[in-house]
Amino acid sequence: MSAQTSPMEPGMQGTTATASLPGSATVGTTPMGQIRILIVDDHTTFAELLTGSLNREPDLCSVGSANSVATGIAACLELVPDVVVMDYHLPDGSGLVAATAILARAPHTRIVILTGDPALEALEQAAAIGVCAFLPKDGSLATVLDTLRHARIGGFLVHPSLVSLLSARRRQRSEEIPFPELTKRELAVLRLMGEGSDVRANARVLGISENTCRGYVKAILGKLGAHSQLEAVVIATRLGLVPAQHV
């Protein structure tokens, strides 16, 4: 996140009581009704700034922080957060390794990956394992906070700059994927998915029930050979079914 566009200040405002855990993890307790967020990032200043920003939001709260794959997994299993916001590059491995381990043990956890150098392959891997969002680390604070809120209700987001990257490369690799036959309604749902909307919002836009919309999503995943909505958007963008968006 860029401090120029979205300044953040470290510190807490009485919403979180913290204590140290072995292995450089910090934990705390939160009030009822807030979205509980664990930060996994080895850059102390960034983690402190994000913690302070979260704790100033009435509906968001940091429950702790960790600085490695190992401590991130341990903290997540102990604290059971709603959302984990995790750096892609950690001292002892990839954030996706931690995400895989967390989702295997706590599948309802929503994970948002941040990275300073996004790559197509990392985005596709994140989508395949069930990460709900993949954002550039130099994006705006507002985007991160909005993504954390969507993650809490099961939404997902691919940052527009990453979608543009996929669009630019889709011609090079589109021949590797059979072109799917989607109905007009499935295409409509898919394009709304590409905008980052969740099932409830898509159903409202299309004037259909949430269950019907989920049925379309399931059909789309099957036809595209995707394991998640995020992976479906990745594939659809590469095929040109979802228009590239620009920052």
Protein backbone atom coordinates (compact mmCIF):
# COMPACT_ATOMS: atom_id res chain seq x y z
CA MET A 1 0.00 0.00 0.00
CA SER A 2 1.32 3.40 -0.85
CA ALA A 3 1.62 5.79 2.05
CA GLN A 4 1.28 8.70 -0.35
CA THR A 5 -2.24 7.84 -1.43
CA SER A 6 -3.49 6.22 1.77
CA PRO A 7 -1.55 7.35 4.85
CA MET A 8 -1.67 5.05 7.86
CA GLU A 9 -0.38 5.52 11.36
CA PRO A 10 0.82 2.80 13.73
CA GLY A 11 -0.78 2.12 17.04
CA MET A 12 -4.07 0.95 18.45
CA GLN A 13 -7.07 2.73 19.88
CA GLY A 14 -7.98 0.45 22.76
CA THR A 15 -9.66 -2.24 20.67
CA THR A 16 -6.94 -4.87 20.88
CA ALA A 17 -4.91 -6.18 23.81
CA THR A 18 -1.71 -7.78 22.56
CA ALA A 19 0.77 -10.27 23.96
CA SER A 20 3.84 -12.00 22.55
CA LEU A 21 3.94 -15.58 21.35
CA PRO A 22 7.09 -17.60 20.67
CA GLY A 23 8.36 -17.18 17.12
CA SER A 24 7.59 -13.48 16.65
CA ALA A 25 3.82 -13.65 16.61
CA THR A 26 1.64 -11.05 18.32
CA VAL A 27 -1.91 -11.89 19.36
CA GLY A 28 -4.87 -10.13 20.91
CA THR A 29 -8.58 -10.16 21.65
CA THR A 30 -11.28 -8.14 19.88
CA PRO A 31 -14.78 -6.82 20.58
CA MET A 32 -17.79 -8.75 19.37
CA GLY A 33 -19.16 -8.11 15.90
CA GLN A 34 -15.94 -7.05 14.19
CA ILE A 35 -14.19 -8.82 11.34
CA ARG A 36 -11.15 -10.44 12.97
CA ILE A 37 -7.99 -10.14 10.88
CA LEU A 38 -4.56 -11.75 11.26
CA ILE A 39 -1.60 -10.02 9.55
CA VAL A 40 1.29 -12.17 8.32
CA ASP A 41 4.14 -9.98 7.05
CA ASP A 42 7.84 -9.82 7.88
CA HIS A 43 8.03 -6.04 7.38
CA THR A 44 7.39 -4.75 10.90
CA THR A 45 6.58 -1.18 9.88
CA PHE A 46 4.05 -2.30 7.28
CA ALA A 47 2.38 -4.69 9.74
CA GLU A 48 2.17 -1.99 12.42
CA LEU A 49 0.74 0.58 9.99
CA LEU A 50 -1.87 -1.88 8.76
CA THR A 51 -2.74 -2.86 12.33
CA GLY A 52 -3.32 0.76 13.25
CA SER A 53 -5.48 1.31 10.17
CA LEU A 54 -7.60 -1.78 10.85
CA ASN A 55 -8.19 -0.77 14.45
CA ARG A 56 -9.53 2.61 13.40
CA GLU A 57 -12.29 0.97 11.36
CA PRO A 58 -15.49 0.25 13.34
CA ASP A 59 -16.07 -3.12 11.64
CA LEU A 60 -12.47 -4.35 11.35
CA CYS A 61 -9.92 -5.35 13.99
CA SER A 62 -6.48 -6.93 14.04
CA VAL A 63 -6.26 -9.97 16.32
CA GLY A 64 -2.52 -10.36 15.91
CA SER A 65 0.45 -10.55 13.60
CA ALA A 66 3.12 -13.02 12.56
CA ASN A 67 6.23 -12.71 10.41
CA SER A 68 6.79 -16.10 8.77
CA VAL A 69 5.09 -19.13 7.27
CA ALA A 70 5.53 -21.15 10.47
CA THR A 71 4.33 -18.47 12.90
CA GLY A 72 1.52 -17.47 10.53
CA ILE A 73 0.12 -21.00 10.48
CA ALA A 74 0.45 -21.36 14.26
CA ALA A 75 -1.18 -17.98 14.96
CA CYS A 76 -4.05 -18.70 12.59
CA LEU A 77 -4.84 -22.04 14.19
CA GLU A 78 -4.71 -20.51 17.69
CA LEU A 79 -6.61 -17.28 16.98
CA VAL A 80 -9.08 -18.56 14.34
CA PRO A 81 -9.39 -15.20 12.50
CA ASP A 82 -12.06 -14.47 9.93
CA VAL A 83 -9.48 -13.22 7.43
CA VAL A 84 -5.72 -13.59 7.02
CA VAL A 85 -3.89 -10.88 5.07
CA MET A 86 -0.55 -12.36 4.07
CA ASP A 87 2.58 -11.26 2.25
CA TYR A 88 3.49 -13.46 -0.72
CA HIS A 89 7.21 -13.43 0.15
CA LEU A 90 8.06 -14.55 3.70
CA PRO A 91 11.50 -15.37 5.18
CA ASP A 92 10.89 -19.12 5.39
CA GLY A 93 8.86 -19.60 2.21
CA SER A 94 5.91 -18.47 0.13
CA GLY A 95 2.73 -17.11 1.63
CA LEU A 96 0.93 -19.58 -0.61
CA VAL A 97 2.56 -22.44 1.32
CA ALA A 98 1.11 -20.98 4.50
CA ALA A 99 -2.25 -20.44 2.80
CA THR A 100 -2.36 -24.07 1.68
CA ALA A 101 -1.64 -25.33 5.19
CA ILE A 102 -4.17 -22.98 6.78
CA LEU A 103 -6.96 -23.87 4.35
CA ALA A 104 -6.29 -27.59 4.84
CA ARG A 105 -6.90 -27.23 8.59
CA ALA A 106 -9.31 -24.28 8.68
CA PRO A 107 -11.11 -24.25 5.31
CA HIS A 108 -13.49 -21.43 6.24
CA THR A 109 -10.61 -18.97 6.67
CA ARG A 110 -10.54 -16.22 4.03
CA ILE A 111 -7.04 -15.40 2.81
CA VAL A 112 -5.92 -12.23 1.04
CA ILE A 113 -2.43 -12.30 -0.50
CA LEU A 114 -0.40 -9.09 -0.91
CA THR A 115 2.69 -8.92 -3.10
CA GLY A 116 5.18 -6.33 -4.28
CA ASP A 117 5.91 -8.16 -7.53
CA PRO A 118 2.76 -9.88 -8.85
CA ALA A 119 3.25 -12.74 -11.30
CA LEU A 120 0.71 -14.61 -13.40
CA GLU A 121 1.84 -17.99 -12.12
CA ALA A 122 1.48 -16.93 -8.49
CA LEU A 123 -2.00 -15.57 -9.16
CA GLU A 124 -3.08 -18.83 -10.79
CA GLN A 125 -1.67 -20.88 -7.92
CA ALA A 126 -3.44 -18.67 -5.39
CA ALA A 127 -6.72 -19.13 -7.24
CA ALA A 128 -6.26 -22.89 -7.41
CA ILE A 129 -5.74 -23.35 -3.66
CA GLY A 130 -8.73 -21.20 -2.70
CA VAL A 131 -7.25 -17.81 -1.83
CA CYS A 132 -10.05 -15.24 -2.05
CA ALA A 133 -8.05 -12.23 -3.24
CA PHE A 134 -4.67 -11.32 -4.69
CA LEU A 135 -3.59 -7.67 -4.47
CA PRO A 136 -0.47 -5.65 -5.26
CA LYS A 137 1.19 -4.44 -2.08
CA ASP A 138 1.53 -0.90 -3.43
CA GLY A 139 -2.23 -0.55 -3.94
CA SER A 140 -4.43 1.80 -1.94
CA LEU A 141 -5.46 1.23 1.65
CA ALA A 142 -9.10 1.70 0.66
CA THR A 143 -8.83 -1.25 -1.75
CA VAL A 144 -7.33 -3.49 0.92
CA LEU A 145 -9.98 -2.59 3.50
CA ASP A 146 -12.79 -3.10 0.99
CA THR A 147 -11.31 -6.47 0.01
CA LEU A 148 -11.14 -7.57 3.64
CA ARG A 149 -14.82 -6.73 4.03
CA HIS A 150 -15.73 -8.69 0.89
CA ALA A 151 -13.61 -11.60 2.07
CA ARG A 152 -15.62 -11.74 5.27
CA ILE A 153 -18.83 -12.40 3.34
CA GLY A 154 -17.30 -14.77 0.82
CA GLY A 155 -16.46 -12.31 -1.94
CA PHE A 156 -13.29 -12.30 -3.97
CA LEU A 157 -11.15 -9.77 -5.82
CA VAL A 158 -8.47 -9.70 -8.47
CA HIS A 159 -6.92 -6.25 -8.60
CA PRO A 160 -7.53 -4.53 -11.99
CA SER A 161 -3.79 -4.20 -12.61
CA LEU A 162 -3.45 -7.98 -12.36
CA VAL A 163 -6.45 -8.51 -14.63
CA SER A 164 -4.74 -6.27 -17.18
CA LEU A 165 -1.63 -8.42 -16.89
CA LEU A 166 -3.65 -11.55 -17.61
CA SER A 167 -5.34 -9.91 -20.57
CA ALA A 168 -2.00 -8.93 -22.08
CA ARG A 169 -0.76 -12.52 -21.88
CA ARG A 170 -3.90 -14.42 -22.80
CA ARG A 171 -3.08 -14.62 -26.53
CA GLN A 172 0.17 -16.41 -25.77
CA ARG A 173 -1.51 -19.24 -23.88
CA SER A 174 -5.18 -19.32 -24.84
CA GLU A 175 -4.64 -22.21 -27.25
CA GLU A 176 -3.82 -24.43 -24.26
CA ILE A 177 -7.40 -24.22 -22.94
CA PRO A 178 -10.45 -25.58 -24.83
CA PHE A 179 -12.87 -22.73 -25.49
CA PRO A 180 -15.93 -23.33 -23.29
CA GLU A 181 -19.53 -23.04 -24.46
CA LEU A 182 -21.28 -20.76 -21.98
CA THR A 183 -24.90 -19.64 -22.10
CA LYS A 184 -25.77 -15.94 -22.20
CA ARG A 185 -26.76 -16.01 -18.54
CA GLU A 186 -23.56 -17.82 -17.56
CA LEU A 187 -21.55 -15.18 -19.43
CA ALA A 188 -23.44 -12.45 -17.59
CA VAL A 189 -22.67 -14.06 -14.24
CA LEU A 190 -19.03 -14.59 -15.24
CA ARG A 191 -18.56 -10.94 -16.19
CA LEU A 192 -20.02 -9.81 -12.88
CA MET A 193 -17.62 -12.20 -11.16
CA GLY A 194 -14.83 -10.48 -13.09
CA GLU A 195 -15.86 -7.18 -11.53
CA GLY A 196 -15.32 -8.66 -8.07
CA SER A 197 -18.99 -8.90 -7.08
CA ASP A 198 -20.18 -11.66 -4.76
CA VAL A 199 -23.09 -14.05 -5.36
CA ARG A 200 -25.61 -11.95 -3.45
CA ALA A 201 -24.79 -8.80 -5.44
CA ASN A 202 -24.79 -10.69 -8.74
CA ALA A 203 -28.18 -12.23 -8.02
CA ARG A 204 -29.60 -8.81 -7.22
CA VAL A 205 -28.24 -7.28 -10.45
CA LEU A 206 -29.60 -10.13 -12.58
CA GLY A 207 -32.94 -10.35 -10.76
CA ILE A 208 -32.52 -14.01 -9.81
CA SER A 209 -32.31 -15.89 -6.51
CA GLU A 210 -28.99 -16.50 -4.78
CA ASN A 211 -29.43 -20.27 -5.19
CA THR A 212 -29.98 -19.87 -8.92
CA CYS A 213 -26.90 -17.66 -9.15
CA ARG A 214 -24.85 -20.26 -7.27
CA GLY A 215 -26.04 -22.83 -9.79
CA TYR A 216 -24.71 -20.70 -12.63
CA VAL A 217 -21.41 -20.26 -10.79
CA LYS A 218 -21.11 -24.04 -10.35
CA ALA A 219 -21.79 -24.56 -14.06
CA ILE A 220 -19.19 -21.94 -14.98
CA LEU A 221 -16.55 -23.57 -12.79
CA GLY A 222 -17.25 -26.94 -14.38
CA LYS A 223 -17.06 -25.65 -17.95
CA LEU A 224 -13.85 -23.73 -17.30
CA GLY A 225 -12.25 -26.51 -15.27
CA ALA A 226 -11.77 -24.09 -12.36
CA HIS A 227 -11.69 -24.89 -8.64
CA SER A 228 -12.74 -21.45 -7.42
CA GLN A 229 -14.43 -18.29 -8.66
CA LEU A 230 -11.09 -16.52 -8.67
CA GLU A 231 -9.51 -19.21 -10.83
CA ALA A 232 -12.51 -19.00 -13.18
CA VAL A 233 -11.91 -15.27 -13.64
CA VAL A 234 -8.22 -15.92 -14.33
CA ILE A 235 -9.08 -18.45 -17.05
CA ALA A 236 -11.91 -16.35 -18.49
CA THR A 237 -9.68 -13.28 -18.73
CA ARG A 238 -7.05 -15.28 -20.55
CA LEU A 239 -9.68 -16.48 -23.02
CA GLY A 240 -11.08 -12.99 -23.51
CA LEU A 241 -14.45 -13.84 -21.95
CA VAL A 242 -13.93 -11.20 -19.27
CA PRO A 243 -12.77 -7.76 -20.47
CA ALA A 244 -9.51 -6.49 -19.02
CA GLN A 245 -9.90 -3.69 -16.52
CA HIS A 246 -7.46 -0.86 -16.03
CA VAL A 247 -6.44 0.96 -12.88
